[in-house]
Amino acid sequence: MPVDILGLSFAAFVALGGVIGYLKSNSTASLASGLIFGALISLSAQFAASAGASKSANIIPAALCVVLFLVMGSRFMSSKKFMPAGMVAVTSLLMAIRFAAKTL
């Protein structure tokens, strides 16, 4: 069974960001959203990488990354602070492009 190392690494990055947000700011919203998005991206990326999945299976993780990009991008635009919102927005956009490219 193939493993999407980059997809799983990104999912871990998102989940870890939620945990760090909780530890630094006691933000349960950061914890919940980080763990939920991390789990959804992990599961959908692994499903898309599985041997029997069609190329269109990459639409799900791409859509999740676009949503994360939009949310964190708007937070970055509000705060003008690159860390953490800007970095998550940029990496989410790059991962969305990666997953979308796999549908071609």
PDB file of N, CA and C in Angstrom:
ATOM      1  N   MET A   1       0.838  -1.180   0.000  1.00  0.00           N
ATOM      2  CA  MET A   1       0.000   0.000   0.000  1.00  0.00           C
ATOM      3  C   MET A   1       0.881   1.241   0.000  1.00  0.00           C
ATOM      4  N   PRO A   2       0.690   2.119  -0.988  1.00  0.00           N
ATOM      5  CA  PRO A   2       1.498   3.328  -1.049  1.00  0.00           C
ATOM      6  C   PRO A   2       1.154   4.290   0.086  1.00  0.00           C
ATOM      7  N   VAL A   3       2.158   5.035   0.512  1.00  0.00           N
ATOM      8  CA  VAL A   3       1.983   5.996   1.601  1.00  0.00           C
ATOM      9  C   VAL A   3       2.298   7.383   1.058  1.00  0.00           C
ATOM     10  N   ASP A   4       1.420   8.334   1.331  1.00  0.00           N
ATOM     11  CA  ASP A   4       1.637   9.719   0.933  1.00  0.00           C
ATOM     12  C   ASP A   4       2.398  10.420   2.059  1.00  0.00           C
ATOM     13  N   ILE A   5       3.717  10.351   1.997  1.00  0.00           N
ATOM     14  CA  ILE A   5       4.571  10.910   3.045  1.00  0.00           C
ATOM     15  C   ILE A   5       4.340  12.408   3.198  1.00  0.00           C
ATOM     16  N   LEU A   6       4.292  13.128   2.089  1.00  0.00           N
ATOM     17  CA  LEU A   6       4.116  14.578   2.157  1.00  0.00           C
ATOM     18  C   LEU A   6       2.736  14.941   2.713  1.00  0.00           C
ATOM     19  N   GLY A   7       1.716  14.219   2.293  1.00  0.00           N
ATOM     20  CA  GLY A   7       0.369  14.472   2.809  1.00  0.00           C
ATOM     21  C   GLY A   7       0.257  14.201   4.296  1.00  0.00           C
ATOM     22  N   LEU A   8       0.843  13.093   4.734  1.00  0.00           N
ATOM     23  CA  LEU A   8       0.814  12.763   6.158  1.00  0.00           C
ATOM     24  C   LEU A   8       1.655  13.745   6.969  1.00  0.00           C
ATOM     25  N   SER A   9       2.757  14.199   6.409  1.00  0.00           N
ATOM     26  CA  SER A   9       3.598  15.184   7.099  1.00  0.00           C
ATOM     27  C   SER A   9       2.851  16.506   7.262  1.00  0.00           C
ATOM     28  N   PHE A  10       2.131  16.905   6.217  1.00  0.00           N
ATOM     29  CA  PHE A  10       1.352  18.138   6.306  1.00  0.00           C
ATOM     30  C   PHE A  10       0.235  17.998   7.336  1.00  0.00           C
ATOM     31  N   ALA A  11      -0.413  16.847   7.358  1.00  0.00           N
ATOM     32  CA  ALA A  11      -1.480  16.608   8.341  1.00  0.00           C
ATOM     33  C   ALA A  11      -0.924  16.680   9.762  1.00  0.00           C
ATOM     34  N   ALA A  12       0.256  16.117   9.967  1.00  0.00           N
ATOM     35  CA  ALA A  12       0.891  16.184  11.288  1.00  0.00           C
ATOM     36  C   ALA A  12       1.261  17.619  11.639  1.00  0.00           C
ATOM     37  N   PHE A  13       1.714  18.384  10.644  1.00  0.00           N
ATOM     38  CA  PHE A  13       2.044  19.800  10.833  1.00  0.00           C
ATOM     39  C   PHE A  13       0.819  20.587  11.296  1.00  0.00           C
ATOM     40  N   VAL A  14      -0.326  20.325  10.666  1.00  0.00           N
ATOM     41  CA  VAL A  14      -1.573  21.019  11.021  1.00  0.00           C
ATOM     42  C   VAL A  14      -2.015  20.622  12.434  1.00  0.00           C
ATOM     43  N   ALA A  15      -1.985  19.324  12.728  1.00  0.00           N
ATOM     44  CA  ALA A  15      -2.401  18.854  14.052  1.00  0.00           C
ATOM     45  C   ALA A  15      -1.473  19.392  15.138  1.00  0.00           C
ATOM     46  N   LEU A  16      -0.184  19.373  14.888  1.00  0.00           N
ATOM     47  CA  LEU A  16       0.779  19.903  15.855  1.00  0.00           C
ATOM     48  C   LEU A  16       0.577  21.402  16.070  1.00  0.00           C
ATOM     49  N   GLY A  17       0.237  22.115  15.010  1.00  0.00           N
ATOM     50  CA  GLY A  17      -0.054  23.540  15.144  1.00  0.00           C
ATOM     51  C   GLY A  17      -1.239  23.788  16.058  1.00  0.00           C
ATOM     52  N   GLY A  18      -2.248  22.932  15.965  1.00  0.00           N
ATOM     53  CA  GLY A  18      -3.394  23.054  16.861  1.00  0.00           C
ATOM     54  C   GLY A  18      -3.011  22.813  18.307  1.00  0.00           C
ATOM     55  N   VAL A  19      -2.161  21.826  18.533  1.00  0.00           N
ATOM     56  CA  VAL A  19      -1.707  21.527  19.898  1.00  0.00           C
ATOM     57  C   VAL A  19      -0.873  22.683  20.440  1.00  0.00           C
ATOM     58  N   ILE A  20       0.017  23.222  19.617  1.00  0.00           N
ATOM     59  CA  ILE A  20       0.846  24.346  20.063  1.00  0.00           C
ATOM     60  C   ILE A  20      -0.022  25.568  20.345  1.00  0.00           C
ATOM     61  N   GLY A  21      -1.025  25.810  19.501  1.00  0.00           N
ATOM     62  CA  GLY A  21      -1.943  26.922  19.742  1.00  0.00           C
ATOM     63  C   GLY A  21      -2.677  26.783  21.059  1.00  0.00           C
ATOM     64  N   TYR A  22      -3.028  25.550  21.387  1.00  0.00           N
ATOM     65  CA  TYR A  22      -3.695  25.304  22.668  1.00  0.00           C
ATOM     66  C   TYR A  22      -2.735  25.539  23.842  1.00  0.00           C
ATOM     67  N   LEU A  23      -1.522  25.023  23.721  1.00  0.00           N
ATOM     68  CA  LEU A  23      -0.552  25.154  24.809  1.00  0.00           C
ATOM     69  C   LEU A  23      -0.129  26.607  25.044  1.00  0.00           C
ATOM     70  N   LYS A  24       0.021  27.381  23.967  1.00  0.00           N
ATOM     71  CA  LYS A  24       0.467  28.767  24.109  1.00  0.00           C
ATOM     72  C   LYS A  24      -0.651  29.703  24.543  1.00  0.00           C
ATOM     73  N   SER A  25      -1.854  29.489  24.011  1.00  0.00           N
ATOM     74  CA  SER A  25      -2.931  30.451  24.248  1.00  0.00           C
ATOM     75  C   SER A  25      -4.146  29.862  24.944  1.00  0.00           C
ATOM     76  N   ASN A  26      -4.053  28.583  25.307  1.00  0.00           N
ATOM     77  CA  ASN A  26      -5.180  27.890  25.930  1.00  0.00           C
ATOM     78  C   ASN A  26      -6.423  27.955  25.040  1.00  0.00           C
ATOM     79  N   SER A  27      -6.198  27.874  23.719  1.00  0.00           N
ATOM     80  CA  SER A  27      -7.271  27.993  22.739  1.00  0.00           C
ATOM     81  C   SER A  27      -7.793  26.609  22.360  1.00  0.00           C
ATOM     82  N   THR A  28      -8.966  26.281  22.880  1.00  0.00           N
ATOM     83  CA  THR A  28      -9.557  24.988  22.526  1.00  0.00           C
ATOM     84  C   THR A  28     -10.006  24.970  21.066  1.00  0.00           C
ATOM     85  N   ALA A  29     -10.315  26.150  20.491  1.00  0.00           N
ATOM     86  CA  ALA A  29     -10.677  26.222  19.078  1.00  0.00           C
ATOM     87  C   ALA A  29      -9.488  25.818  18.201  1.00  0.00           C
ATOM     88  N   SER A  30      -8.293  26.265  18.562  1.00  0.00           N
ATOM     89  CA  SER A  30      -7.089  25.878  17.819  1.00  0.00           C
ATOM     90  C   SER A  30      -6.846  24.383  17.927  1.00  0.00           C
ATOM     91  N   LEU A  31      -6.999  23.855  19.131  1.00  0.00           N
ATOM     92  CA  LEU A  31      -6.791  22.431  19.338  1.00  0.00           C
ATOM     93  C   LEU A  31      -7.782  21.616  18.522  1.00  0.00           C
ATOM     94  N   ALA A  32      -9.050  21.950  18.617  1.00  0.00           N
ATOM     95  CA  ALA A  32     -10.080  21.188  17.907  1.00  0.00           C
ATOM     96  C   ALA A  32      -9.912  21.295  16.399  1.00  0.00           C
ATOM     97  N   SER A  33      -9.734  22.503  15.887  1.00  0.00           N
ATOM     98  CA  SER A  33      -9.616  22.646  14.435  1.00  0.00           C
ATOM     99  C   SER A  33      -8.333  22.015  13.910  1.00  0.00           C
ATOM    100  N   GLY A  34      -7.240  22.151  14.643  1.00  0.00           N
ATOM    101  CA  GLY A  34      -5.988  21.522  14.211  1.00  0.00           C
ATOM    102  C   GLY A  34      -6.086  20.013  14.164  1.00  0.00           C
ATOM    103  N   LEU A  35      -6.660  19.425  15.220  1.00  0.00           N
ATOM    104  CA  LEU A  35      -6.778  17.966  15.243  1.00  0.00           C
ATOM    105  C   LEU A  35      -7.782  17.460  14.218  1.00  0.00           C
ATOM    106  N   ILE A  36      -8.892  18.171  14.047  1.00  0.00           N
ATOM    107  CA  ILE A  36      -9.902  17.736  13.072  1.00  0.00           C
ATOM    108  C   ILE A  36      -9.365  17.857  11.653  1.00  0.00           C
ATOM    109  N   PHE A  37      -8.801  19.015  11.307  1.00  0.00           N
ATOM    110  CA  PHE A  37      -8.253  19.173   9.962  1.00  0.00           C
ATOM    111  C   PHE A  37      -7.081  18.232   9.725  1.00  0.00           C
ATOM    112  N   GLY A  38      -6.227  18.050  10.721  1.00  0.00           N
ATOM    113  CA  GLY A  38      -5.113  17.116  10.575  1.00  0.00           C
ATOM    114  C   GLY A  38      -5.589  15.700  10.308  1.00  0.00           C
ATOM    115  N   ALA A  39      -6.603  15.268  11.052  1.00  0.00           N
ATOM    116  CA  ALA A  39      -7.132  13.919  10.859  1.00  0.00           C
ATOM    117  C   ALA A  39      -7.804  13.776   9.500  1.00  0.00           C
ATOM    118  N   LEU A  40      -8.601  14.777   9.109  1.00  0.00           N
ATOM    119  CA  LEU A  40      -9.293  14.694   7.811  1.00  0.00           C
ATOM    120  C   LEU A  40      -8.316  14.710   6.643  1.00  0.00           C
ATOM    121  N   ILE A  41      -7.305  15.555   6.722  1.00  0.00           N
ATOM    122  CA  ILE A  41      -6.300  15.604   5.654  1.00  0.00           C
ATOM    123  C   ILE A  41      -5.517  14.300   5.614  1.00  0.00           C
ATOM    124  N   SER A  42      -5.174  13.777   6.775  1.00  0.00           N
ATOM    125  CA  SER A  42      -4.438  12.517   6.837  1.00  0.00           C
ATOM    126  C   SER A  42      -5.239  11.375   6.203  1.00  0.00           C
ATOM    127  N   LEU A  43      -6.479  11.245   6.609  1.00  0.00           N
ATOM    128  CA  LEU A  43      -7.316  10.159   6.084  1.00  0.00           C
ATOM    129  C   LEU A  43      -7.581  10.313   4.593  1.00  0.00           C
ATOM    130  N   SER A  44      -7.909  11.517   4.163  1.00  0.00           N
ATOM    131  CA  SER A  44      -8.223  11.704   2.743  1.00  0.00           C
ATOM    132  C   SER A  44      -6.974  11.587   1.865  1.00  0.00           C
ATOM    133  N   ALA A  45      -5.841  12.053   2.350  1.00  0.00           N
ATOM    134  CA  ALA A  45      -4.601  11.927   1.571  1.00  0.00           C
ATOM    135  C   ALA A  45      -4.195  10.467   1.449  1.00  0.00           C
ATOM    136  N   GLN A  46      -4.356   9.718   2.519  1.00  0.00           N
ATOM    137  CA  GLN A  46      -4.002   8.304   2.468  1.00  0.00           C
ATOM    138  C   GLN A  46      -4.960   7.527   1.572  1.00  0.00           C
ATOM    139  N   PHE A  47      -6.249   7.884   1.626  1.00  0.00           N
ATOM    140  CA  PHE A  47      -7.222   7.244   0.737  1.00  0.00           C
ATOM    141  C   PHE A  47      -6.895   7.546  -0.717  1.00  0.00           C
ATOM    142  N   ALA A  48      -6.543   8.802  -1.012  1.00  0.00           N
ATOM    143  CA  ALA A  48      -6.209   9.183  -2.387  1.00  0.00           C
ATOM    144  C   ALA A  48      -4.954   8.475  -2.878  1.00  0.00           C
ATOM    145  N   ALA A  49      -4.047   8.147  -1.963  1.00  0.00           N
ATOM    146  CA  ALA A  49      -2.799   7.473  -2.349  1.00  0.00           C
ATOM    147  C   ALA A  49      -2.970   5.967  -2.492  1.00  0.00           C
ATOM    148  N   SER A  50      -4.084   5.432  -2.010  1.00  0.00           N
ATOM    149  CA  SER A  50      -4.263   3.977  -2.054  1.00  0.00           C
ATOM    150  C   SER A  50      -4.340   3.497  -3.498  1.00  0.00           C
ATOM    151  N   ALA A  51      -4.003   2.252  -3.694  1.00  0.00           N
ATOM    152  CA  ALA A  51      -3.846   1.677  -5.032  1.00  0.00           C
ATOM    153  C   ALA A  51      -5.129   1.730  -5.860  1.00  0.00           C
ATOM    154  N   GLY A  52      -6.283   1.517  -5.251  1.00  0.00           N
ATOM    155  CA  GLY A  52      -7.526   1.457  -6.014  1.00  0.00           C
ATOM    156  C   GLY A  52      -8.225   2.783  -6.203  1.00  0.00           C
ATOM    157  N   ALA A  53      -7.718   3.856  -5.617  1.00  0.00           N
ATOM    158  CA  ALA A  53      -8.397   5.152  -5.682  1.00  0.00           C
ATOM    159  C   ALA A  53      -8.191   5.800  -7.052  1.00  0.00           C
ATOM    160  N   SER A  54      -9.226   6.474  -7.521  1.00  0.00           N
ATOM    161  CA  SER A  54      -9.115   7.195  -8.785  1.00  0.00           C
ATOM    162  C   SER A  54      -8.403   8.531  -8.555  1.00  0.00           C
ATOM    163  N   LYS A  55      -8.021   9.161  -9.654  1.00  0.00           N
ATOM    164  CA  LYS A  55      -7.333  10.447  -9.533  1.00  0.00           C
ATOM    165  C   LYS A  55      -8.232  11.497  -8.898  1.00  0.00           C
ATOM    166  N   SER A  56      -9.541  11.373  -9.101  1.00  0.00           N
ATOM    167  CA  SER A  56     -10.459  12.369  -8.549  1.00  0.00           C
ATOM    168  C   SER A  56     -10.545  12.300  -7.027  1.00  0.00           C
ATOM    169  N   ALA A  57     -10.008  11.255  -6.406  1.00  0.00           N
ATOM    170  CA  ALA A  57      -9.996  11.157  -4.948  1.00  0.00           C
ATOM    171  C   ALA A  57      -9.142  12.255  -4.322  1.00  0.00           C
ATOM    172  N   ASN A  58      -8.268  12.856  -5.108  1.00  0.00           N
ATOM    173  CA  ASN A  58      -7.419  13.936  -4.600  1.00  0.00           C
ATOM    174  C   ASN A  58      -8.183  15.249  -4.430  1.00  0.00           C
ATOM    175  N   ILE A  59      -9.420  15.297  -4.906  1.00  0.00           N
ATOM    176  CA  ILE A  59     -10.221  16.512  -4.761  1.00  0.00           C
ATOM    177  C   ILE A  59     -10.536  16.778  -3.289  1.00  0.00           C
ATOM    178  N   ILE A  60     -10.770  15.727  -2.513  1.00  0.00           N
ATOM    179  CA  ILE A  60     -11.136  15.900  -1.103  1.00  0.00           C
ATOM    180  C   ILE A  60     -10.004  16.552  -0.302  1.00  0.00           C
ATOM    181  N   PRO A  61      -8.781  16.003  -0.326  1.00  0.00           N
ATOM    182  CA  PRO A  61      -7.722  16.687   0.430  1.00  0.00           C
ATOM    183  C   PRO A  61      -7.401  18.066  -0.133  1.00  0.00           C
ATOM    184  N   ALA A  62      -7.557  18.253  -1.455  1.00  0.00           N
ATOM    185  CA  ALA A  62      -7.326  19.572  -2.040  1.00  0.00           C
ATOM    186  C   ALA A  62      -8.338  20.576  -1.505  1.00  0.00           C
ATOM    187  N   ALA A  63      -9.603  20.169  -1.413  1.00  0.00           N
ATOM    188  CA  ALA A  63     -10.650  21.059  -0.902  1.00  0.00           C
ATOM    189  C   ALA A  63     -10.404  21.404   0.568  1.00  0.00           C
ATOM    190  N   LEU A  64      -9.979  20.423   1.355  1.00  0.00           N
ATOM    191  CA  LEU A  64      -9.664  20.697   2.762  1.00  0.00           C
ATOM    192  C   LEU A  64      -8.532  21.705   2.879  1.00  0.00           C
ATOM    193  N   CYS A  65      -7.536  21.572   2.035  1.00  0.00           N
ATOM    194  CA  CYS A  65      -6.409  22.513   2.059  1.00  0.00           C
ATOM    195  C   CYS A  65      -6.842  23.909   1.620  1.00  0.00           C
ATOM    196  N   VAL A  66      -7.774  23.991   0.659  1.00  0.00           N
ATOM    197  CA  VAL A  66      -8.278  25.299   0.228  1.00  0.00           C
ATOM    198  C   VAL A  66      -9.036  25.972   1.366  1.00  0.00           C
ATOM    199  N   VAL A  67      -9.875  25.206   2.076  1.00  0.00           N
ATOM    200  CA  VAL A  67     -10.605  25.769   3.216  1.00  0.00           C
ATOM    201  C   VAL A  67      -9.621  26.273   4.273  1.00  0.00           C
ATOM    202  N   LEU A  68      -8.613  25.474   4.562  1.00  0.00           N
ATOM    203  CA  LEU A  68      -7.607  25.885   5.553  1.00  0.00           C
ATOM    204  C   LEU A  68      -6.861  27.131   5.085  1.00  0.00           C
ATOM    205  N   PHE A  69      -6.559  27.192   3.793  1.00  0.00           N
ATOM    206  CA  PHE A  69      -5.905  28.373   3.220  1.00  0.00           C
ATOM    207  C   PHE A  69      -6.771  29.617   3.383  1.00  0.00           C
ATOM    208  N   LEU A  70      -8.062  29.486   3.098  1.00  0.00           N
ATOM    209  CA  LEU A  70      -8.957  30.641   3.205  1.00  0.00           C
ATOM    210  C   LEU A  70      -9.091  31.127   4.646  1.00  0.00           C
ATOM    211  N   VAL A  71      -9.242  30.203   5.576  1.00  0.00           N
ATOM    212  CA  VAL A  71      -9.386  30.585   6.985  1.00  0.00           C
ATOM    213  C   VAL A  71      -8.108  31.225   7.502  1.00  0.00           C
ATOM    214  N   MET A  72      -6.992  30.551   7.295  1.00  0.00           N
ATOM    215  CA  MET A  72      -5.730  31.077   7.829  1.00  0.00           C
ATOM    216  C   MET A  72      -5.248  32.298   7.043  1.00  0.00           C
ATOM    217  N   GLY A  73      -5.576  32.348   5.762  1.00  0.00           N
ATOM    218  CA  GLY A  73      -5.229  33.526   4.968  1.00  0.00           C
ATOM    219  C   GLY A  73      -5.954  34.766   5.458  1.00  0.00           C
ATOM    220  N   SER A  74      -7.233  34.590   5.817  1.00  0.00           N
ATOM    221  CA  SER A  74      -7.977  35.748   6.344  1.00  0.00           C
ATOM    222  C   SER A  74      -7.424  36.166   7.712  1.00  0.00           C
ATOM    223  N   ARG A  75      -7.002  35.201   8.511  1.00  0.00           N
ATOM    224  CA  ARG A  75      -6.385  35.549   9.805  1.00  0.00           C
ATOM    225  C   ARG A  75      -5.064  36.281   9.600  1.00  0.00           C
ATOM    226  N   PHE A  76      -4.304  35.849   8.610  1.00  0.00           N
ATOM    227  CA  PHE A  76      -3.041  36.519   8.309  1.00  0.00           C
ATOM    228  C   PHE A  76      -3.287  37.949   7.836  1.00  0.00           C
ATOM    229  N   MET A  77      -4.293  38.131   6.977  1.00  0.00           N
ATOM    230  CA  MET A  77      -4.596  39.468   6.481  1.00  0.00           C
ATOM    231  C   MET A  77      -5.043  40.393   7.610  1.00  0.00           C
ATOM    232  N   SER A  78      -5.720  39.837   8.614  1.00  0.00           N
ATOM    233  CA  SER A  78      -6.169  40.647   9.750  1.00  0.00           C
ATOM    234  C   SER A  78      -5.018  41.022  10.664  1.00  0.00           C
ATOM    235  N   SER A  79      -4.172  40.038  10.962  1.00  0.00           N
ATOM    236  CA  SER A  79      -3.115  40.257  11.957  1.00  0.00           C
ATOM    237  C   SER A  79      -1.818  40.770  11.358  1.00  0.00           C
ATOM    238  N   LYS A  80      -1.586  40.513  10.075  1.00  0.00           N
ATOM    239  CA  LYS A  80      -0.326  40.856   9.396  1.00  0.00           C
ATOM    240  C   LYS A  80       0.878  40.162  10.021  1.00  0.00           C
ATOM    241  N   LYS A  81       0.634  39.084  10.774  1.00  0.00           N
ATOM    242  CA  LYS A  81       1.720  38.311  11.377  1.00  0.00           C
ATOM    243  C   LYS A  81       1.877  37.012  10.601  1.00  0.00           C
ATOM    244  N   PHE A  82       3.094  36.772  10.112  1.00  0.00           N
ATOM    245  CA  PHE A  82       3.317  35.575   9.307  1.00  0.00           C
ATOM    246  C   PHE A  82       3.182  34.294  10.131  1.00  0.00           C
ATOM    247  N   MET A  83       3.631  34.352  11.372  1.00  0.00           N
ATOM    248  CA  MET A  83       3.546  33.166  12.232  1.00  0.00           C
ATOM    249  C   MET A  83       2.340  33.281  13.139  1.00  0.00           C
ATOM    250  N   PRO A  84       1.515  32.306  13.207  1.00  0.00           N
ATOM    251  CA  PRO A  84       1.467  31.052  12.470  1.00  0.00           C
ATOM    252  C   PRO A  84       0.548  31.097  11.257  1.00  0.00           C
ATOM    253  N   ALA A  85      -0.369  32.089  11.204  1.00  0.00           N
ATOM    254  CA  ALA A  85      -1.404  32.073  10.173  1.00  0.00           C
ATOM    255  C   ALA A  85      -0.842  32.143   8.761  1.00  0.00           C
ATOM    256  N   GLY A  86       0.135  32.992   8.526  1.00  0.00           N
ATOM    257  CA  GLY A  86       0.707  33.129   7.187  1.00  0.00           C
ATOM    258  C   GLY A  86       1.392  31.862   6.717  1.00  0.00           C
ATOM    259  N   MET A  87       2.129  31.235   7.620  1.00  0.00           N
ATOM    260  CA  MET A  87       2.829  30.015   7.242  1.00  0.00           C
ATOM    261  C   MET A  87       1.849  28.887   6.938  1.00  0.00           C
ATOM    262  N   VAL A  88       0.818  28.748   7.734  1.00  0.00           N
ATOM    263  CA  VAL A  88      -0.179  27.705   7.490  1.00  0.00           C
ATOM    264  C   VAL A  88      -0.926  27.999   6.190  1.00  0.00           C
ATOM    265  N   ALA A  89      -1.219  29.270   5.918  1.00  0.00           N
ATOM    266  CA  ALA A  89      -1.905  29.634   4.678  1.00  0.00           C
ATOM    267  C   ALA A  89      -1.055  29.277   3.455  1.00  0.00           C
ATOM    268  N   VAL A  90       0.218  29.610   3.502  1.00  0.00           N
ATOM    269  CA  VAL A  90       1.106  29.332   2.370  1.00  0.00           C
ATOM    270  C   VAL A  90       1.269  27.822   2.156  1.00  0.00           C
ATOM    271  N   THR A  91       1.522  27.086   3.225  1.00  0.00           N
ATOM    272  CA  THR A  91       1.698  25.639   3.071  1.00  0.00           C
ATOM    273  C   THR A  91       0.392  24.972   2.649  1.00  0.00           C
ATOM    274  N   SER A  92      -0.734  25.479   3.113  1.00  0.00           N
ATOM    275  CA  SER A  92      -2.024  24.929   2.696  1.00  0.00           C
ATOM    276  C   SER A  92      -2.255  25.163   1.208  1.00  0.00           C
ATOM    277  N   LEU A  93      -1.904  26.343   0.732  1.00  0.00           N
ATOM    278  CA  LEU A  93      -2.046  26.638  -0.690  1.00  0.00           C
ATOM    279  C   LEU A  93      -1.157  25.724  -1.527  1.00  0.00           C
ATOM    280  N   LEU A  94       0.074  25.539  -1.088  1.00  0.00           N
ATOM    281  CA  LEU A  94       0.993  24.649  -1.821  1.00  0.00           C
ATOM    282  C   LEU A  94       0.478  23.216  -1.846  1.00  0.00           C
ATOM    283  N   MET A  95      -0.058  22.754  -0.737  1.00  0.00           N
ATOM    284  CA  MET A  95      -0.594  21.391  -0.695  1.00  0.00           C
ATOM    285  C   MET A  95      -1.866  21.276  -1.529  1.00  0.00           C
ATOM    286  N   ALA A  96      -2.684  22.315  -1.561  1.00  0.00           N
ATOM    287  CA  ALA A  96      -3.887  22.293  -2.401  1.00  0.00           C
ATOM    288  C   ALA A  96      -3.497  22.185  -3.871  1.00  0.00           C
ATOM    289  N   ILE A  97      -2.472  22.928  -4.261  1.00  0.00           N
ATOM    290  CA  ILE A  97      -1.979  22.850  -5.642  1.00  0.00           C
ATOM    291  C   ILE A  97      -1.455  21.459  -5.938  1.00  0.00           C
ATOM    292  N   ARG A  98      -0.732  20.892  -5.001  1.00  0.00           N
ATOM    293  CA  ARG A  98      -0.181  19.540  -5.176  1.00  0.00           C
ATOM    294  C   ARG A  98      -1.286  18.517  -5.379  1.00  0.00           C
ATOM    295  N   PHE A  99      -2.297  18.552  -4.498  1.00  0.00           N
ATOM    296  CA  PHE A  99      -3.388  17.583  -4.610  1.00  0.00           C
ATOM    297  C   PHE A  99      -4.192  17.826  -5.895  1.00  0.00           C
ATOM    298  N   ALA A 100      -4.420  19.086  -6.251  1.00  0.00           N
ATOM    299  CA  ALA A 100      -5.179  19.390  -7.466  1.00  0.00           C
ATOM    300  C   ALA A 100      -4.420  18.925  -8.702  1.00  0.00           C
ATOM    301  N   ALA A 101      -3.100  19.064  -8.696  1.00  0.00           N
ATOM    302  CA  ALA A 101      -2.300  18.623  -9.825  1.00  0.00           C
ATOM    303  C   ALA A 101      -2.376  17.116 -10.033  1.00  0.00           C
ATOM    304  N   LYS A 102      -2.595  16.383  -8.955  1.00  0.00           N
ATOM    305  CA  LYS A 102      -2.691  14.928  -9.072  1.00  0.00           C
ATOM    306  C   LYS A 102      -3.990  14.488  -9.733  1.00  0.00           C
ATOM    307  N   THR A 103      -4.982  15.401  -9.826  1.00  0.00           N
ATOM    308  CA  THR A 103      -6.242  15.032 -10.473  1.00  0.00           C
ATOM    309  C   THR A 103      -6.132  15.102 -11.986  1.00  0.00           C
ATOM    310  N   LEU A 104      -5.093  15.755 -12.496  1.00  0.00           N
ATOM    311  CA  LEU A 104      -4.930  15.911 -13.947  1.00  0.00           C
ATOM    312  C   LEU A 104      -4.436  14.654 -14.609  1.00  0.00           C
TER     313      LEU A 104
END
